[in-house]
Amino acid sequence: MHAYRYGSVTVQTQVLIIGGGATGTAIARDLALRGVRCILVEKSDLNAGASGGNHGLLHSGGRYVSNDQEAARECKEEGDIIKRLMPQCVEDTGGIFVAIEGDDERFIAEYPAYCSRCGVPCEQITPEEACFLEPTLSEKVIAAYKVEDASIDPFKLTLLNMTQAVSLGSRLLRRTKVIRFDIHDRRIDRVLVRNVDSGDEYYIEAEQVVNAAGAWAGQVSGLAGIDIPMNYSKGTLLVTNDRINYRVINRLRRPSDADILVPGGTVSIIGTTSVPVEDPDRIYPTVEETDLIVREGAEMVPVLERSRFVRAYCGVRPLFGKGGGDGRTVSRGFALLDHSHEDVDNFTTITGGKLTTFRLMAERTADMVCNKMGVAEPCRTRSEPLPEIDDCRWTEPGISPKQWMRSHESDDIVICECEMVTKSAIDEIRASLKANNEKPGLVDICMRTRLGRGACQGAFCGPRALAYLYESGEYHGQDGLIDIGRFYQERWKGIHSILWGDQLIQAELMESIHCGLFDEELYTPEA
């Protein structure tokens, strides 16, 4: 039951996956490797939720050894698997935990024992050694431990998982929202979905339905009349203009605000916060949060007080269960729910967890789904490498200038000078999207490359990319002007809370382009 009938009233597949984050796409890959075909629907775009709103930190487990030992052990095991089987998505930087004068000395002394109980390697080094490894560290460091942290590219990771799944017969339907479940005799007979761009509605029939919607998992389960207890915790992060650390730097204390600095290619990312929110669709970074992050982060790395920040962004942690306060009391473990207990036999939810445990979450979910379907094929993602695919390489910071320097093509125009995104990179993304019967837009290209992610945040490359897409025949009439409005609004969401110093000057220039050239109004977040 996996004939695809696009353009007709009903589409059929074996498994329908709802949610296009790291977990949803990994489930699609896992099932595809077992010979099970899927359709994955995503109401926005890949990584639009927590998978695209995080540090990009591949946890060693060291952060959770004191308060969530199960999560620590899972992070350790899964981090090793990801480094071995998905190295193209990982920069194996290593990491250190550092304590500053005034930090809890009892916690500092007990930290190695916490790590030992969870099987998380750590090595004590002197403050002098730590400052030699990371020259930007505060002179007030009083203790340090080396751990096995790394940074990971969640965008490349998700694209690679989904691309392999598609190559094995599955389908991706972006900007497709689930509207209704039709349930009879304890089964979801069909699912009504709507294309959010065109408004077209049609049904998908599937043997099994998997809810991997992250922070929206409760909304999706609600369509089946099932209540899932969710705790929404917003985390805000800041992106520096330059890379200021070689390895991941963690504050040696119980998890708190602004205590992780992650290097990612050409930049560093500092965060995060944990703020309870009611609606995962209504979040944005605030000035108060950015001030807090800079103030707290500078205790560990003083240069942050003088750094230029080019962007702030946030995501919502989909924490399973009801917790108090800021959500840090809720486990970072995941929950796999078989809704047969709520009288819907072919419905499964996977929620909670962390980016580092995405593969394990997918494996456990695929095991449950295959058991329901009578499929005996074992999981292969625990042993089979994730293949490298050229179309997915452009999210890597610094890759475009390398490719451009190697090519020496005189007509390969640089569209984005900050991140050296070239015409050829955009052409590859356009071709990839069209192969999936999708029309490329600026926001789509931005997510799949580094376009608009540099210091100017799209002020110059946005119009250049717009002009190129008009010249290439992608846009006609007012289409491009509408699309660049969406592109600018998306960029502005991450700028309004960091308007000081050089970035304020940059924003004034950006505003003149928005309002003068394109007659656009700047985005203002709702209070």
Protein backbone atom coordinates (compact mmCIF):
# COMPACT_ATOMS: atom_id res chain seq x y z
CA MET A 1 0.00 0.00 0.00
CA HIS A 2 2.51 2.58 -1.14
CA ALA A 3 1.37 3.88 -4.53
CA TYR A 4 1.73 7.67 -4.76
CA ARG A 5 -1.15 9.38 -6.56
CA TYR A 6 -0.33 13.08 -6.48
CA GLY A 7 -2.94 15.30 -8.03
CA SER A 8 -5.78 12.94 -7.08
CA VAL A 9 -8.00 13.00 -4.02
CA THR A 10 -6.07 10.47 -1.95
CA VAL A 11 -2.39 9.63 -1.50
CA GLN A 12 -1.37 6.29 -0.04
CA THR A 13 1.73 5.18 1.81
CA GLN A 14 2.82 2.69 4.43
CA VAL A 15 3.80 5.22 7.12
CA LEU A 16 2.91 8.89 7.46
CA ILE A 17 5.42 10.88 9.54
CA ILE A 18 4.35 14.28 10.86
CA GLY A 19 7.25 16.64 11.55
CA GLY A 20 10.41 17.47 9.58
CA GLY A 21 13.00 17.91 12.29
CA ALA A 22 16.01 15.74 13.06
CA THR A 23 13.88 12.98 14.58
CA GLY A 24 11.20 12.89 11.87
CA THR A 25 13.70 12.76 9.02
CA ALA A 26 15.76 10.13 10.86
CA ILE A 27 12.63 7.99 11.27
CA ALA A 28 12.05 8.29 7.52
CA ARG A 29 15.61 7.15 6.84
CA ASP A 30 15.47 4.30 9.37
CA LEU A 31 12.20 2.96 7.97
CA ALA A 32 13.36 3.38 4.36
CA LEU A 33 16.47 1.30 5.13
CA ARG A 34 14.12 -1.43 6.39
CA GLY A 35 12.15 -1.32 3.13
CA VAL A 36 9.24 0.70 4.52
CA ARG A 37 8.11 3.64 2.42
CA CYS A 38 6.95 6.83 4.07
CA ILE A 39 5.53 10.23 3.41
CA LEU A 40 6.85 12.96 5.71
CA VAL A 41 4.72 16.08 6.00
CA GLU A 42 6.04 19.32 7.49
CA LYS A 43 3.87 22.41 7.92
CA SER A 44 6.84 24.75 7.40
CA ASP A 45 10.28 23.56 6.33
CA LEU A 46 12.86 21.09 7.54
CA ASN A 47 14.38 22.09 10.89
CA ALA A 48 11.80 24.83 11.43
CA GLY A 49 11.41 23.89 15.11
CA ALA A 50 13.85 22.92 17.84
CA SER A 51 16.13 21.09 15.39
CA GLY A 52 17.01 24.42 13.79
CA GLY A 53 16.89 26.51 16.98
CA ASN A 54 19.66 24.97 19.07
CA HIS A 55 23.38 25.35 19.77
CA GLY A 56 24.46 22.74 17.28
CA LEU A 57 26.11 21.00 20.24
CA LEU A 58 26.80 17.28 20.12
CA HIS A 59 26.71 16.54 23.83
CA SER A 60 29.30 14.36 25.52
CA GLY A 61 26.79 13.91 28.32
CA GLY A 62 28.82 16.10 30.66
CA ARG A 63 26.06 18.68 31.08
CA TYR A 64 23.59 16.17 32.48
CA VAL A 65 25.71 13.96 34.74
CA SER A 66 24.52 15.66 37.92
CA ASN A 67 20.79 15.95 37.26
CA ASP A 68 19.74 13.55 34.47
CA GLN A 69 21.96 10.47 34.39
CA GLU A 70 19.90 8.57 31.81
CA ALA A 71 20.14 11.50 29.37
CA ALA A 72 23.89 11.72 30.06
CA ARG A 73 24.42 8.05 29.20
CA GLU A 74 22.30 8.33 26.05
CA CYS A 75 24.27 11.39 24.92
CA LYS A 76 27.57 9.60 25.46
CA GLU A 77 26.54 6.51 23.47
CA GLU A 78 24.79 8.39 20.67
CA GLY A 79 27.54 10.98 20.36
CA ASP A 80 30.03 8.20 19.68
CA ILE A 81 27.75 6.65 17.03
CA ILE A 82 27.18 10.00 15.29
CA LYS A 83 30.90 10.79 15.21
CA ARG A 84 31.62 7.40 13.69
CA LEU A 85 28.78 7.15 11.16
CA MET A 86 28.02 10.81 10.32
CA PRO A 87 31.43 12.55 10.46
CA GLN A 88 30.56 14.90 7.60
CA CYS A 89 28.05 16.60 9.94
CA VAL A 90 30.42 16.86 12.92
CA GLU A 91 33.35 19.06 13.89
CA ASP A 92 35.00 17.04 16.65
CA THR A 93 36.21 20.04 18.61
CA GLY A 94 36.33 18.51 22.07
CA GLY A 95 35.11 20.54 25.01
CA ILE A 96 35.99 21.82 28.44
CA PHE A 97 34.01 22.59 31.57
CA VAL A 98 35.39 25.55 33.51
CA ALA A 99 34.52 26.97 36.92
CA ILE A 100 34.89 30.65 37.78
CA GLU A 101 35.65 32.22 41.14
CA GLY A 102 32.50 32.06 43.23
CA ASP A 103 31.15 28.86 41.63
CA ASP A 104 30.07 26.01 43.89
CA GLU A 105 33.29 24.30 44.98
CA ARG A 106 31.47 21.22 46.23
CA PHE A 107 29.94 20.68 42.80
CA ILE A 108 33.37 21.21 41.22
CA ALA A 109 34.91 18.54 43.43
CA GLU A 110 32.08 16.05 42.83
CA TYR A 111 31.96 16.50 39.05
CA PRO A 112 34.41 13.65 38.17
CA ALA A 113 32.37 11.23 40.27
CA TYR A 114 29.16 12.31 38.51
CA CYS A 115 30.86 11.66 35.15
CA SER A 116 32.21 8.29 36.27
CA ARG A 117 28.75 7.06 37.31
CA CYS A 118 27.40 7.89 33.84
CA GLY A 119 30.36 6.54 31.86
CA VAL A 120 31.19 10.03 30.56
CA PRO A 121 34.97 10.53 30.20
CA CYS A 122 36.43 13.67 31.76
CA GLU A 123 40.02 14.70 32.42
CA GLN A 124 41.01 17.29 34.98
CA ILE A 125 43.39 19.98 33.74
CA THR A 126 44.82 23.02 35.47
CA PRO A 127 43.34 26.52 34.99
CA GLU A 128 46.58 27.47 33.24
CA GLU A 129 46.20 24.59 30.78
CA ALA A 130 42.59 25.57 30.14
CA CYS A 131 43.54 29.16 29.38
CA PHE A 132 46.32 27.94 27.07
CA LEU A 133 43.79 25.82 25.16
CA GLU A 134 41.24 28.66 25.10
CA PRO A 135 42.96 32.06 25.34
CA THR A 136 39.67 33.95 25.60
CA LEU A 137 38.80 32.33 28.94
CA SER A 138 38.52 34.48 32.04
CA GLU A 139 41.56 34.83 34.29
CA LYS A 140 39.22 33.88 37.14
CA VAL A 141 39.04 30.21 36.09
CA ILE A 142 39.63 28.05 39.17
CA ALA A 143 39.00 24.53 37.81
CA ALA A 144 38.64 22.79 34.45
CA TYR A 145 37.84 19.39 32.95
CA LYS A 146 38.21 18.20 29.35
CA VAL A 147 35.23 16.32 27.84
CA GLU A 148 34.27 14.85 24.45
CA ASP A 149 31.83 17.52 23.23
CA ALA A 150 31.63 18.40 19.53
CA SER A 151 29.63 20.65 17.25
CA ILE A 152 27.16 19.34 14.69
CA ASP A 153 25.42 20.87 11.68
CA PRO A 154 21.70 20.08 12.24
CA PHE A 155 20.70 21.44 8.83
CA LYS A 156 23.08 19.19 6.91
CA LEU A 157 22.16 16.28 9.16
CA THR A 158 18.44 16.62 8.47
CA LEU A 159 18.90 17.17 4.74
CA LEU A 160 21.11 14.08 4.43
CA ASN A 161 18.68 11.86 6.36
CA MET A 162 15.71 12.99 4.29
CA THR A 163 17.60 12.80 1.00
CA GLN A 164 18.56 9.18 1.57
CA ALA A 165 14.99 8.34 2.59
CA VAL A 166 13.70 9.93 -0.63
CA SER A 167 16.28 8.03 -2.69
CA LEU A 168 14.85 4.82 -1.22
CA GLY A 169 11.27 5.62 -2.20
CA SER A 170 9.89 7.91 0.49
CA ARG A 171 8.45 11.39 -0.07
CA LEU A 172 8.80 14.81 1.54
CA LEU A 173 5.87 17.23 1.49
CA ARG A 174 6.92 20.61 2.86
CA ARG A 175 4.48 23.37 3.79
CA THR A 176 1.83 20.72 4.30
CA LYS A 177 -0.21 20.90 7.49
CA VAL A 178 -2.25 18.13 9.08
CA ILE A 179 -5.85 19.31 9.51
CA ARG A 180 -7.87 16.29 10.65
CA PHE A 181 -7.72 12.60 11.50
CA ASP A 182 -10.60 10.38 10.39
CA ILE A 183 -10.72 7.59 13.00
CA HIS A 184 -12.86 4.43 12.77
CA ASP A 185 -12.61 1.13 14.66
CA ARG A 186 -9.55 2.26 16.66
CA ARG A 187 -7.58 3.27 13.55
CA ILE A 188 -6.74 6.45 11.70
CA ASP A 189 -8.27 5.66 8.31
CA ARG A 190 -7.05 8.79 6.60
CA VAL A 191 -5.45 12.13 7.33
CA LEU A 192 -6.63 15.41 5.81
CA VAL A 193 -3.73 17.72 4.93
CA ARG A 194 -3.55 21.20 3.46
CA ASN A 195 -0.86 22.88 1.39
CA VAL A 196 -0.30 26.13 3.29
CA ASP A 197 0.70 28.02 0.12
CA SER A 198 -2.07 27.01 -2.26
CA GLY A 199 -4.76 26.04 0.24
CA ASP A 200 -5.32 22.75 -1.60
CA GLU A 201 -6.53 19.90 0.62
CA TYR A 202 -6.29 16.16 0.10
CA TYR A 203 -6.18 12.93 2.08
CA ILE A 204 -3.27 10.65 2.93
CA GLU A 205 -4.00 7.03 3.80
CA ALA A 206 -1.34 5.19 5.78
CA GLU A 207 -1.05 1.93 7.67
CA GLN A 208 0.74 3.74 10.51
CA VAL A 209 0.90 7.40 11.58
CA VAL A 210 3.89 8.76 13.52
CA ASN A 211 3.70 12.02 15.42
CA ALA A 212 7.22 13.52 15.45
CA ALA A 213 6.07 17.13 15.61
CA GLY A 214 8.30 18.21 18.49
CA ALA A 215 6.82 21.12 20.41
CA TRP A 216 3.64 20.68 18.34
CA ALA A 217 3.23 17.00 19.27
CA GLY A 218 0.44 17.86 21.71
CA GLN A 219 -1.46 19.72 19.01
CA VAL A 220 -1.15 16.78 16.61
CA SER A 221 -2.21 14.22 19.23
CA GLY A 222 -5.16 16.47 20.06
CA LEU A 223 -6.52 15.77 16.58
CA ALA A 224 -6.97 12.19 17.78
CA GLY A 225 -8.53 13.33 21.04
CA ILE A 226 -5.38 12.40 22.97
CA ASP A 227 -3.80 14.69 25.54
CA ILE A 228 0.00 14.63 25.83
CA PRO A 229 1.46 16.56 28.79
CA MET A 230 4.00 18.98 27.31
CA ASN A 231 6.19 21.61 28.91
CA TYR A 232 7.41 24.33 26.55
CA SER A 233 10.76 25.91 27.34
CA LYS A 234 12.10 28.64 25.06
CA GLY A 235 15.86 28.89 24.63
CA THR A 236 17.51 31.96 23.08
CA LEU A 237 21.01 32.00 21.59
CA LEU A 238 23.34 34.63 20.09
CA VAL A 239 25.65 34.28 17.08
CA THR A 240 29.00 36.10 17.05
CA ASN A 241 30.48 37.64 13.92
CA ASP A 242 33.72 35.67 14.38
CA ARG A 243 34.70 32.35 15.87
CA ILE A 244 36.15 33.09 19.30
CA ASN A 245 36.79 29.59 20.68
CA TYR A 246 38.36 26.41 19.37
CA ARG A 247 36.35 23.90 21.40
CA VAL A 248 33.04 23.87 23.25
CA ILE A 249 33.28 25.82 26.53
CA ASN A 250 30.83 24.91 29.30
CA ARG A 251 30.37 26.54 32.70
CA LEU A 252 31.14 24.02 35.43
CA ARG A 253 27.92 24.34 37.39
CA ARG A 254 24.44 22.88 37.34
CA PRO A 255 22.62 23.77 34.07
CA SER A 256 21.78 27.46 33.97
CA ASP A 257 21.59 30.45 31.60
CA ALA A 258 24.30 31.34 29.08
CA ASP A 259 26.67 28.59 30.17
CA ILE A 260 27.64 27.03 26.81
CA LEU A 261 29.76 28.60 24.03
CA VAL A 262 29.80 26.41 20.91
CA PRO A 263 32.11 27.01 17.94
CA GLY A 264 30.39 26.42 14.62
CA GLY A 265 32.52 26.85 11.53
CA THR A 266 33.29 30.57 11.25
CA VAL A 267 31.19 31.74 14.23
CA SER A 268 30.50 30.96 17.87
CA ILE A 269 27.09 30.52 19.50
CA ILE A 270 26.42 31.47 23.13
CA GLY A 271 23.37 30.47 25.12
CA THR A 272 20.99 29.47 26.18
CA THR A 273 18.03 30.58 28.30
CA SER A 274 15.08 28.57 29.56
CA VAL A 275 11.84 30.53 29.62
CA PRO A 276 8.41 28.90 29.96
CA VAL A 277 6.06 29.73 27.07
CA GLU A 278 2.48 28.82 26.29
CA ASP A 279 2.52 28.81 22.48
CA PRO A 280 5.46 27.45 20.43
CA ASP A 281 4.31 29.52 17.44
CA ARG A 282 4.72 32.83 19.28
CA ILE A 283 8.36 33.08 20.32
CA TYR A 284 11.15 35.53 19.62
CA PRO A 285 14.41 36.61 21.29
CA THR A 286 13.98 39.52 23.69
CA VAL A 287 16.34 42.34 24.60
CA GLU A 288 16.26 41.18 28.22
CA GLU A 289 17.42 37.70 27.22
CA THR A 290 20.25 38.95 25.03
CA ASP A 291 21.46 41.25 27.82
CA LEU A 292 21.38 38.30 30.22
CA ILE A 293 23.28 36.03 27.82
CA VAL A 294 26.05 38.58 27.25
CA ARG A 295 26.35 39.39 30.94
CA GLU A 296 26.45 35.76 32.11
CA GLY A 297 28.57 34.52 29.22
CA ALA A 298 31.16 37.24 29.75
CA GLU A 299 31.88 35.89 33.24
CA MET A 300 33.29 32.82 31.49
CA VAL A 301 34.60 34.45 28.28
CA PRO A 302 35.07 38.21 28.85
CA VAL A 303 35.56 39.01 25.16
CA LEU A 304 31.82 38.45 24.68
CA GLU A 305 31.23 41.92 26.16
CA ARG A 306 33.09 43.42 23.19
CA SER A 307 32.02 40.97 20.49
CA ARG A 308 29.81 41.80 17.57
CA PHE A 309 26.67 39.67 17.47
CA VAL A 310 25.05 39.26 14.07
CA ARG A 311 21.93 37.37 15.06
CA ALA A 312 19.78 36.10 17.90
CA TYR A 313 17.43 33.17 17.52
CA CYS A 314 15.40 30.83 19.67
CA GLY A 315 13.69 27.47 19.72
CA VAL A 316 11.24 25.67 21.97
CA ARG A 317 12.32 22.54 23.80
CA PRO A 318 9.52 19.94 23.57
CA LEU A 319 9.78 18.60 27.12
CA PHE A 320 7.51 15.68 27.92
CA GLY A 321 5.61 16.04 31.19
CA LYS A 322 4.61 18.97 33.32
CA GLY A 323 7.44 20.74 35.09
CA GLY A 324 7.70 23.84 37.19
CA GLY A 325 9.76 27.00 36.85
CA ASP A 326 11.87 27.39 33.74
CA GLY A 327 11.64 23.76 32.59
CA ARG A 328 15.10 22.69 33.73
CA THR A 329 13.53 20.34 36.26
CA VAL A 330 11.99 18.31 33.40
CA SER A 331 14.07 15.40 32.08
CA ARG A 332 15.84 15.75 28.73
CA GLY A 333 14.98 12.12 28.07
CA PHE A 334 12.46 11.22 25.36
CA ALA A 335 9.03 9.62 25.47
CA LEU A 336 7.81 7.02 22.98
CA LEU A 337 4.03 6.65 23.24
CA ASP A 338 1.96 3.83 21.78
CA HIS A 339 -1.53 5.27 21.49
CA SER A 340 -3.14 1.85 21.42
CA HIS A 341 -3.66 2.56 25.11
CA GLU A 342 -5.88 5.49 24.07
CA ASP A 343 -7.82 3.36 21.56
CA VAL A 344 -5.93 4.42 18.41
CA ASP A 345 -3.92 1.38 17.37
CA ASN A 346 -1.97 2.77 14.40
CA PHE A 347 -0.78 6.02 16.00
CA THR A 348 2.60 6.57 17.70
CA THR A 349 4.18 9.68 19.22
CA ILE A 350 7.86 10.38 19.83
CA THR A 351 8.66 13.56 21.75
CA GLY A 352 11.14 15.11 24.17
CA GLY A 353 14.80 14.21 23.86
CA LYS A 354 17.72 16.16 22.45
CA LEU A 355 19.40 16.70 19.10
CA THR A 356 22.19 14.36 20.23
CA THR A 357 19.73 11.50 20.77
CA PHE A 358 17.79 11.94 17.52
CA ARG A 359 19.05 8.69 15.96
CA LEU A 360 18.16 6.61 19.03
CA MET A 361 14.71 8.19 19.15
CA ALA A 362 14.20 7.28 15.49
CA GLU A 363 15.41 3.71 16.05
CA ARG A 364 13.05 3.10 18.96
CA THR A 365 10.13 4.62 17.03
CA ALA A 366 10.85 2.59 13.90
CA ASP A 367 11.10 -0.57 16.01
CA MET A 368 7.63 0.07 17.45
CA VAL A 369 6.10 0.92 14.08
CA CYS A 370 7.65 -2.10 12.36
CA ASN A 371 6.44 -4.37 15.14
CA LYS A 372 2.90 -3.10 14.57
CA MET A 373 3.26 -3.70 10.82
CA GLY A 374 4.86 -7.13 11.12
CA VAL A 375 8.11 -5.96 9.52
CA ALA A 376 11.05 -7.99 10.85
CA GLU A 377 13.93 -6.00 9.31
CA PRO A 378 16.38 -4.74 11.96
CA CYS A 379 17.63 -1.19 12.41
CA ARG A 380 20.59 -0.33 10.18
CA THR A 381 21.31 3.25 11.27
CA ARG A 382 23.32 1.98 14.26
CA SER A 383 25.91 0.46 11.93
CA GLU A 384 25.49 1.95 8.45
CA PRO A 385 27.17 5.29 7.66
CA LEU A 386 25.05 8.22 6.56
CA PRO A 387 26.05 8.80 2.91
CA GLU A 388 27.45 12.14 1.80
CA ILE A 389 25.34 13.85 -0.87
CA ASP A 390 26.60 16.87 -2.79
CA ASP A 391 23.25 18.70 -2.74
CA CYS A 392 23.41 18.87 1.07
CA ARG A 393 26.93 20.25 1.51
CA TRP A 394 26.20 23.96 1.27
CA THR A 395 25.05 24.42 4.88
CA GLU A 396 28.63 23.91 6.09
CA PRO A 397 30.27 27.23 7.11
CA GLY A 398 33.30 28.01 4.98
CA ILE A 399 32.55 25.41 2.28
CA SER A 400 31.53 27.91 -0.43
CA PRO A 401 34.84 29.82 -0.57
CA LYS A 402 36.73 26.52 -0.79
CA GLN A 403 34.58 25.39 -3.69
CA TRP A 404 34.83 28.76 -5.41
CA MET A 405 38.62 28.90 -5.10
CA ARG A 406 38.93 25.38 -6.51
CA SER A 407 36.60 25.94 -9.44
CA HIS A 408 38.17 29.10 -10.88
CA GLU A 409 35.03 29.50 -12.97
CA SER A 410 34.89 33.08 -14.20
CA ASP A 411 31.11 33.03 -14.50
CA ASP A 412 30.49 31.56 -11.02
CA ILE A 413 29.34 34.83 -9.49
CA VAL A 414 29.52 35.32 -5.74
CA ILE A 415 25.99 36.18 -4.57
CA CYS A 416 26.69 36.39 -0.82
CA GLU A 417 30.08 37.91 -0.01
CA CYS A 418 29.82 37.38 3.77
CA GLU A 419 29.55 33.60 3.38
CA MET A 420 30.82 33.30 -0.22
CA VAL A 421 27.67 31.65 -1.54
CA THR A 422 27.99 31.38 -5.29
CA LYS A 423 25.63 31.13 -8.21
CA SER A 424 26.54 27.46 -8.66
CA ALA A 425 25.55 26.69 -5.06
CA ILE A 426 22.15 28.34 -5.58
CA ASP A 427 21.73 26.44 -8.85
CA GLU A 428 22.31 23.12 -7.07
CA ILE A 429 19.72 23.97 -4.42
CA ARG A 430 17.21 25.07 -7.06
CA ALA A 431 17.66 21.81 -8.95
CA SER A 432 17.29 19.77 -5.76
CA LEU A 433 14.02 21.50 -4.81
CA LYS A 434 12.62 21.19 -8.31
CA ALA A 435 13.41 17.48 -8.31
CA ASN A 436 10.94 17.26 -5.41
CA ASN A 437 8.36 19.25 -7.41
CA GLU A 438 8.92 22.38 -5.30
CA LYS A 439 9.41 25.99 -6.32
CA PRO A 440 12.62 27.48 -4.87
CA GLY A 441 12.39 30.66 -2.81
CA LEU A 442 14.87 32.82 -0.92
CA VAL A 443 13.97 31.42 2.51
CA ASP A 444 14.33 27.87 1.15
CA ILE A 445 17.77 28.67 -0.28
CA CYS A 446 18.82 30.40 2.96
CA MET A 447 18.00 27.28 4.97
CA ARG A 448 20.02 25.07 2.62
CA THR A 449 23.06 27.36 2.22
CA ARG A 450 24.73 30.15 4.21
CA LEU A 451 22.92 32.85 2.20
CA GLY A 452 21.98 35.78 4.46
CA ARG A 453 23.68 34.36 7.55
CA GLY A 454 26.73 36.62 7.62
CA ALA A 455 27.28 40.05 9.11
CA CYS A 456 24.94 41.88 6.72
CA GLN A 457 22.12 39.36 7.36
CA GLY A 458 20.93 39.52 3.77
CA ALA A 459 21.12 43.29 3.22
CA PHE A 460 23.25 42.88 0.07
CA CYS A 461 22.92 39.22 -0.91
CA GLY A 462 19.12 39.31 -0.67
CA PRO A 463 18.71 41.72 -3.61
CA ARG A 464 21.47 39.94 -5.55
CA ALA A 465 19.83 36.55 -5.09
CA LEU A 466 16.46 38.07 -5.98
CA ALA A 467 17.84 39.51 -9.21
CA TYR A 468 19.50 36.22 -10.12
CA LEU A 469 16.27 34.26 -9.56
CA TYR A 470 14.39 36.73 -11.78
CA GLU A 471 17.07 36.36 -14.47
CA SER A 472 16.84 32.59 -14.17
CA GLY A 473 13.08 32.60 -14.67
CA GLU A 474 12.17 31.45 -11.15
CA TYR A 475 10.23 34.67 -10.44
CA HIS A 476 7.71 36.52 -12.54
CA GLY A 477 5.82 39.73 -11.85
CA GLN A 478 5.43 40.45 -8.14
CA ASP A 479 6.39 36.95 -6.97
CA GLY A 480 9.98 37.86 -6.15
CA LEU A 481 9.07 41.04 -4.29
CA ILE A 482 6.67 39.09 -2.09
CA ASP A 483 9.32 36.46 -1.46
CA ILE A 484 12.08 38.89 -0.53
CA GLY A 485 9.64 40.42 1.95
CA ARG A 486 9.36 37.03 3.65
CA PHE A 487 13.14 36.66 3.52
CA TYR A 488 13.75 40.04 5.15
CA GLN A 489 11.13 39.45 7.83
CA GLU A 490 12.80 36.16 8.73
CA ARG A 491 16.20 37.86 8.96
CA TRP A 492 14.85 40.78 11.01
CA LYS A 493 13.39 38.51 13.67
CA GLY A 494 16.94 37.70 14.71
CA ILE A 495 18.29 41.24 14.64
CA HIS A 496 15.92 43.48 16.60
CA SER A 497 17.15 42.31 20.02
CA ILE A 498 20.89 42.86 19.35
CA LEU A 499 20.85 46.42 18.06
CA TRP A 500 23.98 47.99 19.50
CA GLY A 501 27.42 48.87 18.15
CA ASP A 502 28.32 47.75 14.65
CA GLN A 503 25.16 45.72 14.26
CA LEU A 504 23.01 48.80 14.88
CA ILE A 505 24.84 50.59 12.07
CA GLN A 506 24.34 47.53 9.86
CA ALA A 507 20.63 47.47 10.70
CA GLU A 508 20.23 51.11 9.66
CA LEU A 509 21.67 50.22 6.27
CA MET A 510 19.45 47.16 6.05
CA GLU A 511 16.41 49.27 6.90
CA SER A 512 17.18 51.72 4.12
CA ILE A 513 17.25 48.84 1.66
CA HIS A 514 14.05 47.29 3.05
CA CYS A 515 12.06 50.48 3.14
CA GLY A 516 13.66 52.44 0.34
CA LEU A 517 14.32 49.94 -2.41
CA PHE A 518 11.58 47.38 -1.74
CA ASP A 519 9.06 49.48 0.23
CA GLU A 520 9.12 46.87 3.03
CA GLU A 521 8.24 47.48 6.66
CA LEU A 522 10.50 46.09 9.35
CA TYR A 523 9.25 43.20 11.45
CA THR A 524 8.15 44.06 14.97
CA PRO A 525 7.60 41.11 17.32
CA GLU A 526 4.38 40.98 19.26
CA ALA A 527 4.59 41.77 22.96
